[in-house]
PDB file of N, CA and C in Angstrom:
ATOM      1  N   MET A   1      61.641 172.646  64.257  1.00  0.00           N
ATOM      2  CA  MET A   1      62.452 174.012  64.815  1.00  0.00           C
ATOM      3  C   MET A   1      61.734 174.482  65.814  1.00  0.00           C
ATOM      4  N   LYS A   2      62.378 174.382  66.901  1.00  0.00           N
ATOM      5  CA  LYS A   2      61.765 175.667  68.518  1.00  0.00           C
ATOM      6  C   LYS A   2      61.717 176.891  67.903  1.00  0.00           C
ATOM      7  N   ASP A   3      61.067 177.455  68.827  1.00  0.00           N
ATOM      8  CA  ASP A   3      60.763 178.981  68.331  1.00  0.00           C
ATOM      9  C   ASP A   3      60.853 179.503  70.015  1.00  0.00           C
ATOM     10  N   SER A   4      60.262 180.682  70.041  1.00  0.00           N
ATOM     11  CA  SER A   4      60.852 181.351  71.250  1.00  0.00           C
ATOM     12  C   SER A   4      59.747 180.962  72.331  1.00  0.00           C
ATOM     13  N   THR A   5      58.453 180.142  71.975  1.00  0.00           N
ATOM     14  CA  THR A   5      57.110 180.005  72.865  1.00  0.00           C
ATOM     15  C   THR A   5      57.666 178.555  73.661  1.00  0.00           C
ATOM     16  N   GLY A   6      58.074 177.552  73.413  1.00  0.00           N
ATOM     17  CA  GLY A   6      58.591 176.848  73.956  1.00  0.00           C
ATOM     18  C   GLY A   6      59.067 176.544  74.916  1.00  0.00           C
ATOM     19  N   THR A   7      58.848 175.393  75.774  1.00  0.00           N
ATOM     20  CA  THR A   7      59.610 175.262  77.072  1.00  0.00           C
ATOM     21  C   THR A   7      59.993 173.730  77.390  1.00  0.00           C
ATOM     22  N   THR A   8      61.192 173.874  77.727  1.00  0.00           N
ATOM     23  CA  THR A   8      62.009 172.511  78.137  1.00  0.00           C
ATOM     24  C   THR A   8      62.239 172.125  79.584  1.00  0.00           C
ATOM     25  N   LYS A   9      62.069 171.124  79.781  1.00  0.00           N
ATOM     26  CA  LYS A   9      62.257 170.865  81.095  1.00  0.00           C
ATOM     27  C   LYS A   9      63.022 169.173  81.314  1.00  0.00           C
ATOM     28  N   GLN A  10      63.308 168.650  82.092  1.00  0.00           N
ATOM     29  CA  GLN A  10      63.847 167.378  83.061  1.00  0.00           C
ATOM     30  C   GLN A  10      62.982 166.665  83.561  1.00  0.00           C
ATOM     31  N   GLU A  11      62.510 165.148  83.329  1.00  0.00           N
ATOM     32  CA  GLU A  11      62.037 164.435  84.576  1.00  0.00           C
ATOM     33  C   GLU A  11      62.891 163.002  84.064  1.00  0.00           C
ATOM     34  N   ALA A  12      62.655 162.822  85.374  1.00  0.00           N
ATOM     35  CA  ALA A  12      63.391 161.298  85.443  1.00  0.00           C
ATOM     36  C   ALA A  12      62.532 160.507  85.662  1.00  0.00           C
ATOM     37  N   TYR A  13      62.245 158.946  85.168  1.00  0.00           N
ATOM     38  CA  TYR A  13      61.606 157.963  85.791  1.00  0.00           C
ATOM     39  C   TYR A  13      62.195 156.649  86.030  1.00  0.00           C
ATOM     40  N   SER A  14      61.880 155.849  86.762  1.00  0.00           N
ATOM     41  CA  SER A  14      61.829 154.901  87.184  1.00  0.00           C
ATOM     42  C   SER A  14      61.243 153.647  86.733  1.00  0.00           C
ATOM     43  N   PHE A  15      61.728 152.398  85.762  1.00  0.00           N
ATOM     44  CA  PHE A  15      61.705 151.198  85.193  1.00  0.00           C
ATOM     45  C   PHE A  15      61.594 149.887  85.797  1.00  0.00           C
ATOM     46  N   ALA A  16      60.738 148.689  86.134  1.00  0.00           N
ATOM     47  CA  ALA A  16      61.327 147.815  86.133  1.00  0.00           C
ATOM     48  C   ALA A  16      60.231 146.983  85.271  1.00  0.00           C
ATOM     49  N   CYS A  17      61.281 145.897  84.381  1.00  0.00           N
ATOM     50  CA  CYS A  17      60.506 144.740  83.727  1.00  0.00           C
ATOM     51  C   CYS A  17      60.270 144.092  84.307  1.00  0.00           C
ATOM     52  N   LEU A  18      58.658 143.809  84.599  1.00  0.00           N
ATOM     53  CA  LEU A  18      57.870 142.607  84.784  1.00  0.00           C
ATOM     54  C   LEU A  18      57.752 141.490  84.407  1.00  0.00           C
ATOM     55  N   ALA A  19      58.607 141.083  83.185  1.00  0.00           N
ATOM     56  CA  ALA A  19      59.221 139.502  82.526  1.00  0.00           C
ATOM     57  C   ALA A  19      60.995 139.132  83.311  1.00  0.00           C
ATOM     58  N   CYS A  20      61.685 140.230  83.039  1.00  0.00           N
ATOM     59  CA  CYS A  20      62.694 139.642  83.739  1.00  0.00           C
ATOM     60  C   CYS A  20      63.604 140.368  84.762  1.00  0.00           C
ATOM     61  N   GLY A  21      63.038 141.233  85.353  1.00  0.00           N
ATOM     62  CA  GLY A  21      63.035 141.961  86.632  1.00  0.00           C
ATOM     63  C   GLY A  21      64.178 142.850  86.442  1.00  0.00           C
ATOM     64  N   HIS A  22      64.788 143.270  85.410  1.00  0.00           N
ATOM     65  CA  HIS A  22      65.902 144.294  85.089  1.00  0.00           C
ATOM     66  C   HIS A  22      64.994 145.470  85.396  1.00  0.00           C
ATOM     67  N   THR A  23      65.843 146.501  86.127  1.00  0.00           N
ATOM     68  CA  THR A  23      65.345 147.806  86.846  1.00  0.00           C
ATOM     69  C   THR A  23      66.200 148.638  86.019  1.00  0.00           C
ATOM     70  N   TRP A  24      65.709 150.079  85.875  1.00  0.00           N
ATOM     71  CA  TRP A  24      66.530 151.040  85.137  1.00  0.00           C
ATOM     72  C   TRP A  24      65.939 152.508  85.728  1.00  0.00           C
ATOM     73  N   GLU A  25      66.994 153.463  85.795  1.00  0.00           N
ATOM     74  CA  GLU A  25      66.444 154.645  85.533  1.00  0.00           C
ATOM     75  C   GLU A  25      66.614 155.799  84.446  1.00  0.00           C
ATOM     76  N   GLN A  26      65.790 156.239  83.889  1.00  0.00           N
ATOM     77  CA  GLN A  26      66.556 157.355  82.794  1.00  0.00           C
ATOM     78  C   GLN A  26      65.968 158.811  83.128  1.00  0.00           C
ATOM     79  N   THR A  27      66.463 159.569  82.648  1.00  0.00           N
ATOM     80  CA  THR A  27      66.313 161.133  82.652  1.00  0.00           C
ATOM     81  C   THR A  27      65.602 161.348  81.099  1.00  0.00           C
ATOM     82  N   TYR A  28      64.549 162.249  80.988  1.00  0.00           N
ATOM     83  CA  TYR A  28      64.544 162.619  79.302  1.00  0.00           C
ATOM     84  C   TYR A  28      64.618 164.538  79.714  1.00  0.00           C
ATOM     85  N   THR A  29      65.033 165.027  78.697  1.00  0.00           N
ATOM     86  CA  THR A  29      64.532 166.048  78.517  1.00  0.00           C
ATOM     87  C   THR A  29      63.049 166.435  77.623  1.00  0.00           C
ATOM     88  N   ILE A  30      61.991 167.051  78.008  1.00  0.00           N
ATOM     89  CA  ILE A  30      60.985 167.390  77.222  1.00  0.00           C
ATOM     90  C   ILE A  30      60.699 168.756  76.960  1.00  0.00           C
ATOM     91  N   GLU A  31      60.758 168.667  75.322  1.00  0.00           N
ATOM     92  CA  GLU A  31      60.202 169.731  74.870  1.00  0.00           C
ATOM     93  C   GLU A  31      58.581 169.919  74.528  1.00  0.00           C
ATOM     94  N   HIS A  32      58.114 171.024  75.101  1.00  0.00           N
ATOM     95  CA  HIS A  32      56.678 171.208  74.858  1.00  0.00           C
ATOM     96  C   HIS A  32      56.804 172.488  73.854  1.00  0.00           C
ATOM     97  N   ASP A  33      56.239 172.511  72.691  1.00  0.00           N
ATOM     98  CA  ASP A  33      56.104 173.569  71.825  1.00  0.00           C
ATOM     99  C   ASP A  33      54.978 173.414  71.200  1.00  0.00           C
ATOM    100  N   THR A  34      55.029 174.494  70.213  1.00  0.00           N
ATOM    101  CA  THR A  34      53.130 174.757  69.164  1.00  0.00           C
ATOM    102  C   THR A  34      53.869 174.674  67.641  1.00  0.00           C
ATOM    103  N   ASP A  35      53.167 173.881  67.007  1.00  0.00           N
ATOM    104  CA  ASP A  35      53.383 174.053  65.281  1.00  0.00           C
ATOM    105  C   ASP A  35      52.778 175.126  64.858  1.00  0.00           C
ATOM    106  N   ARG A  36      52.901 175.300  63.689  1.00  0.00           N
ATOM    107  CA  ARG A  36      52.428 176.274  62.823  1.00  0.00           C
ATOM    108  C   ARG A  36      51.065 176.636  63.212  1.00  0.00           C
ATOM    109  N   ASP A  37      50.256 175.733  63.236  1.00  0.00           N
ATOM    110  CA  ASP A  37      48.774 175.621  62.855  1.00  0.00           C
ATOM    111  C   ASP A  37      48.252 175.793  64.727  1.00  0.00           C
ATOM    112  N   GLY A  38      49.125 176.242  65.146  1.00  0.00           N
ATOM    113  CA  GLY A  38      49.001 176.589  66.800  1.00  0.00           C
ATOM    114  C   GLY A  38      48.588 175.168  67.428  1.00  0.00           C
ATOM    115  N   LYS A  39      48.964 173.870  66.911  1.00  0.00           N
ATOM    116  CA  LYS A  39      48.737 172.611  67.840  1.00  0.00           C
ATOM    117  C   LYS A  39      50.018 172.202  68.721  1.00  0.00           C
ATOM    118  N   GLU A  40      49.812 172.090  69.824  1.00  0.00           N
ATOM    119  CA  GLU A  40      50.586 171.762  70.776  1.00  0.00           C
ATOM    120  C   GLU A  40      51.181 170.604  70.684  1.00  0.00           C
ATOM    121  N   PHE A  41      52.652 169.804  70.962  1.00  0.00           N
ATOM    122  CA  PHE A  41      53.131 169.342  70.518  1.00  0.00           C
ATOM    123  C   PHE A  41      54.392 168.856  71.735  1.00  0.00           C
ATOM    124  N   VAL A  42      54.600 167.338  72.116  1.00  0.00           N
ATOM    125  CA  VAL A  42      55.597 167.290  72.874  1.00  0.00           C
ATOM    126  C   VAL A  42      56.619 166.236  72.030  1.00  0.00           C
ATOM    127  N   ARG A  43      58.073 166.693  72.606  1.00  0.00           N
ATOM    128  CA  ARG A  43      59.483 165.839  72.173  1.00  0.00           C
ATOM    129  C   ARG A  43      59.866 165.409  73.168  1.00  0.00           C
ATOM    130  N   TYR A  44      60.322 164.306  73.356  1.00  0.00           N
ATOM    131  CA  TYR A  44      61.688 163.551  74.404  1.00  0.00           C
ATOM    132  C   TYR A  44      62.888 163.214  73.444  1.00  0.00           C
ATOM    133  N   HIS A  45      63.735 163.477  74.593  1.00  0.00           N
ATOM    134  CA  HIS A  45      64.805 163.161  74.035  1.00  0.00           C
ATOM    135  C   HIS A  45      65.730 162.817  75.484  1.00  0.00           C
ATOM    136  N   ALA A  46      66.580 161.530  74.933  1.00  0.00           N
ATOM    137  CA  ALA A  46      67.513 160.646  75.948  1.00  0.00           C
ATOM    138  C   ALA A  46      68.843 160.435  75.403  1.00  0.00           C
ATOM    139  N   GLY A  47      69.616 161.014  76.402  1.00  0.00           N
ATOM    140  CA  GLY A  47      71.076 160.370  75.881  1.00  0.00           C
ATOM    141  C   GLY A  47      71.135 160.871  74.169  1.00  0.00           C
ATOM    142  N   GLY A  48      70.744 162.182  74.005  1.00  0.00           N
ATOM    143  CA  GLY A  48      71.409 162.960  72.842  1.00  0.00           C
ATOM    144  C   GLY A  48      70.272 162.626  71.792  1.00  0.00           C
ATOM    145  N   ARG A  49      69.132 161.963  71.752  1.00  0.00           N
ATOM    146  CA  ARG A  49      68.669 161.364  70.670  1.00  0.00           C
ATOM    147  C   ARG A  49      67.244 161.571  71.000  1.00  0.00           C
ATOM    148  N   GLU A  50      65.899 161.927  69.949  1.00  0.00           N
ATOM    149  CA  GLU A  50      64.940 162.021  70.127  1.00  0.00           C
ATOM    150  C   GLU A  50      64.415 160.541  70.637  1.00  0.00           C
ATOM    151  N   VAL A  51      63.016 160.589  71.303  1.00  0.00           N
ATOM    152  CA  VAL A  51      62.608 158.633  71.749  1.00  0.00           C
ATOM    153  C   VAL A  51      61.503 159.111  71.674  1.00  0.00           C
ATOM    154  N   PRO A  52      60.682 157.728  71.594  1.00  0.00           N
ATOM    155  CA  PRO A  52      59.152 157.808  71.909  1.00  0.00           C
ATOM    156  C   PRO A  52      59.193 158.383  73.539  1.00  0.00           C
ATOM    157  N   SER A  53      57.739 158.810  73.796  1.00  0.00           N
ATOM    158  CA  SER A  53      57.363 159.078  75.417  1.00  0.00           C
ATOM    159  C   SER A  53      57.443 157.880  76.228  1.00  0.00           C
ATOM    160  N   PRO A  54      57.933 157.687  77.293  1.00  0.00           N
ATOM    161  CA  PRO A  54      58.148 156.598  78.100  1.00  0.00           C
ATOM    162  C   PRO A  54      57.004 155.829  78.427  1.00  0.00           C
ATOM    163  N   LEU A  55      56.174 157.054  78.681  1.00  0.00           N
ATOM    164  CA  LEU A  55      54.956 156.752  79.163  1.00  0.00           C
ATOM    165  C   LEU A  55      54.076 155.863  78.149  1.00  0.00           C
ATOM    166  N   THR A  56      54.161 155.735  76.971  1.00  0.00           N
ATOM    167  CA  THR A  56      53.395 154.883  75.908  1.00  0.00           C
ATOM    168  C   THR A  56      53.898 153.480  75.579  1.00  0.00           C
ATOM    169  N   SER A  57      54.340 152.941  76.377  1.00  0.00           N
ATOM    170  CA  SER A  57      54.889 151.250  76.149  1.00  0.00           C
ATOM    171  C   SER A  57      56.420 151.468  75.914  1.00  0.00           C
ATOM    172  N   PRO A  58      57.315 151.280  77.000  1.00  0.00           N
ATOM    173  CA  PRO A  58      58.293 151.280  76.876  1.00  0.00           C
ATOM    174  C   PRO A  58      58.801 149.941  77.027  1.00  0.00           C
ATOM    175  N   ASP A  59      59.710 149.710  76.194  1.00  0.00           N
ATOM    176  CA  ASP A  59      60.752 148.300  76.100  1.00  0.00           C
ATOM    177  C   ASP A  59      61.592 147.881  77.054  1.00  0.00           C
ATOM    178  N   CYS A  60      61.834 146.689  77.267  1.00  0.00           N
ATOM    179  CA  CYS A  60      63.434 146.314  78.332  1.00  0.00           C
ATOM    180  C   CYS A  60      64.127 146.564  77.498  1.00  0.00           C
ATOM    181  N   HIS A  61      65.025 147.471  78.179  1.00  0.00           N
ATOM    182  CA  HIS A  61      66.519 147.090  76.945  1.00  0.00           C
ATOM    183  C   HIS A  61      67.516 145.607  77.298  1.00  0.00           C
ATOM    184  N   THR A  62      66.945 144.720  77.906  1.00  0.00           N
ATOM    185  CA  THR A  62      67.560 143.408  78.159  1.00  0.00           C
ATOM    186  C   THR A  62      66.954 142.122  77.860  1.00  0.00           C
ATOM    187  N   CYS A  63      65.171 142.233  78.210  1.00  0.00           N
ATOM    188  CA  CYS A  63      64.861 141.217  76.732  1.00  0.00           C
ATOM    189  C   CYS A  63      63.518 141.436  76.084  1.00  0.00           C
ATOM    190  N   GLY A  64      63.706 142.790  75.726  1.00  0.00           N
ATOM    191  CA  GLY A  64      62.676 143.292  74.514  1.00  0.00           C
ATOM    192  C   GLY A  64      61.182 143.117  75.139  1.00  0.00           C
ATOM    193  N   SER A  65      61.101 142.656  76.269  1.00  0.00           N
ATOM    194  CA  SER A  65      59.529 142.643  76.730  1.00  0.00           C
ATOM    195  C   SER A  65      58.730 144.522  77.038  1.00  0.00           C
ATOM    196  N   HIS A  66      57.561 144.292  76.501  1.00  0.00           N
ATOM    197  CA  HIS A  66      56.494 145.419  76.737  1.00  0.00           C
ATOM    198  C   HIS A  66      55.992 145.393  78.262  1.00  0.00           C
ATOM    199  N   ARG A  67      56.406 144.165  78.895  1.00  0.00           N
ATOM    200  CA  ARG A  67      55.455 144.791  80.336  1.00  0.00           C
ATOM    201  C   ARG A  67      56.297 145.196  81.616  1.00  0.00           C
ATOM    202  N   VAL A  68      56.399 146.484  81.324  1.00  0.00           N
ATOM    203  CA  VAL A  68      57.329 147.377  82.048  1.00  0.00           C
ATOM    204  C   VAL A  68      56.498 148.227  82.664  1.00  0.00           C
ATOM    205  N   ARG A  69      56.975 148.659  84.244  1.00  0.00           N
ATOM    206  CA  ARG A  69      56.077 149.211  84.836  1.00  0.00           C
ATOM    207  C   ARG A  69      57.122 150.567  84.990  1.00  0.00           C
ATOM    208  N   VAL A  70      56.402 151.927  84.916  1.00  0.00           N
ATOM    209  CA  VAL A  70      57.093 153.016  84.807  1.00  0.00           C
ATOM    210  C   VAL A  70      56.610 153.635  86.391  1.00  0.00           C
ATOM    211  N   MET A  71      57.714 154.098  86.982  1.00  0.00           N
ATOM    212  CA  MET A  71      57.296 154.819  88.321  1.00  0.00           C
ATOM    213  C   MET A  71      58.012 156.294  88.419  1.00  0.00           C
ATOM    214  N   ARG A  72      57.803 156.523  89.563  1.00  0.00           N
ATOM    215  CA  ARG A  72      58.178 157.877  89.758  1.00  0.00           C
ATOM    216  C   ARG A  72      59.805 157.893  89.892  1.00  0.00           C
ATOM    217  N   SER A  73      61.022 158.944  89.576  1.00  0.00           N
ATOM    218  CA  SER A  73      62.222 158.810  89.783  1.00  0.00           C
ATOM    219  C   SER A  73      62.816 158.390  91.258  1.00  0.00           C
ATOM    220  N   GLY A  74      63.581 157.309  91.164  1.00  0.00           N
ATOM    221  CA  GLY A  74      64.458 157.377  92.400  1.00  0.00           C
ATOM    222  C   GLY A  74      64.502 156.039  93.167  1.00  0.00           C
ATOM    223  N   LEU A  75      63.141 155.527  93.125  1.00  0.00           N
ATOM    224  CA  LEU A  75      62.736 154.510  93.255  1.00  0.00           C
ATOM    225  C   LEU A  75      63.729 153.217  93.119  1.00  0.00           C
ATOM    226  N   VAL A  76      63.951 152.774  91.929  1.00  0.00           N
ATOM    227  CA  VAL A  76      65.667 151.613  91.777  1.00  0.00           C
ATOM    228  C   VAL A  76      66.459 152.102  92.467  1.00  0.00           C
ATOM    229  N   ASP A  77      66.980 153.138  92.681  1.00  0.00           N
ATOM    230  CA  ASP A  77      67.428 153.644  93.523  1.00  0.00           C
ATOM    231  C   ASP A  77      67.852 153.430  94.863  1.00  0.00           C
ATOM    232  N   ARG A  78      66.468 153.574  95.089  1.00  0.00           N
ATOM    233  CA  ARG A  78      66.141 153.365  96.619  1.00  0.00           C
ATOM    234  C   ARG A  78      66.301 151.483  97.041  1.00  0.00           C
ATOM    235  N   ALA A  79      65.654 151.174  95.932  1.00  0.00           N
ATOM    236  CA  ALA A  79      66.006 149.689  96.282  1.00  0.00           C
ATOM    237  C   ALA A  79      66.965 149.002  96.377  1.00  0.00           C
ATOM    238  N   ARG A  80      68.214 149.396  95.277  1.00  0.00           N
ATOM    239  CA  ARG A  80      69.176 149.002  95.274  1.00  0.00           C
ATOM    240  C   ARG A  80      70.062 149.369  96.354  1.00  0.00           C
ATOM    241  N   HIS A  81      69.911 150.154  96.857  1.00  0.00           N
ATOM    242  CA  HIS A  81      70.886 151.047  98.166  1.00  0.00           C
ATOM    243  C   HIS A  81      69.968 149.937  99.448  1.00  0.00           C
ATOM    244  N   ALA A  82      68.976 149.507  99.498  1.00  0.00           N
ATOM    245  CA  ALA A  82      68.160 149.496 100.476  1.00  0.00           C
ATOM    246  C   ALA A  82      68.948 147.685 100.611  1.00  0.00           C
ATOM    247  N   ARG A  83      68.775 147.484  99.029  1.00  0.00           N
ATOM    248  CA  ARG A  83      69.295 145.735  98.895  1.00  0.00           C
ATOM    249  C   ARG A  83      71.288 145.497  99.524  1.00  0.00           C
ATOM    250  N   ASP A  84      71.650 146.924  99.385  1.00  0.00           N
ATOM    251  CA  ASP A  84      72.991 147.162  99.588  1.00  0.00           C
ATOM    252  C   ASP A  84      73.552 146.940 100.819  1.00  0.00           C
ATOM    253  N   VAL A  85      72.361 147.563 101.461  1.00  0.00           N
ATOM    254  CA  VAL A  85      72.722 147.934 102.896  1.00  0.00           C
ATOM    255  C   VAL A  85      72.384 146.342 103.763  1.00  0.00           C
ATOM    256  N   VAL A  86      71.222 146.229 103.452  1.00  0.00           N
ATOM    257  CA  VAL A  86      70.425 144.841 104.379  1.00  0.00           C
ATOM    258  C   VAL A  86      70.490 143.595 103.841  1.00  0.00           C
ATOM    259  N   GLY A  87      71.030 143.676 102.619  1.00  0.00           N
ATOM    260  CA  GLY A  87      71.116 142.445 101.884  1.00  0.00           C
ATOM    261  C   GLY A  87      69.545 142.481 100.909  1.00  0.00           C
ATOM    262  N   TYR A  88      69.550 140.938 100.225  1.00  0.00           N
ATOM    263  CA  TYR A  88      68.792 140.903  99.257  1.00  0.00           C
ATOM    264  C   TYR A  88      67.453 140.757  99.748  1.00  0.00           C
ATOM    265  N   ILE A  89      66.618 141.547  98.857  1.00  0.00           N
ATOM    266  CA  ILE A  89      64.967 141.793  99.064  1.00  0.00           C
ATOM    267  C   ILE A  89      64.458 141.126  97.703  1.00  0.00           C
ATOM    268  N   PRO A  90      63.581 140.526  98.412  1.00  0.00           N
ATOM    269  CA  PRO A  90      62.827 139.700  97.286  1.00  0.00           C
ATOM    270  C   PRO A  90      61.946 140.373  96.330  1.00  0.00           C
TER     271      PRO A  90
END
């Protein structure tokens, strides 16, 4: 349960699977809070449900591989736009 001391923010990341080439972007709602004992903890939410941290071993939604590169948000969208404007980029 969240109390008034917690903070919530949103962060987005780009992902690229190094096994199959699948790319995607995801926005997370991140809750920073403190438990009853004063220990800080973080919860990540995506799509309305709690999920593991995207920084600690993400899985590819297409092939299930753990060989996923995490990058700052926007990189996947910019690469797709460049591909669509100038053609295929290997």
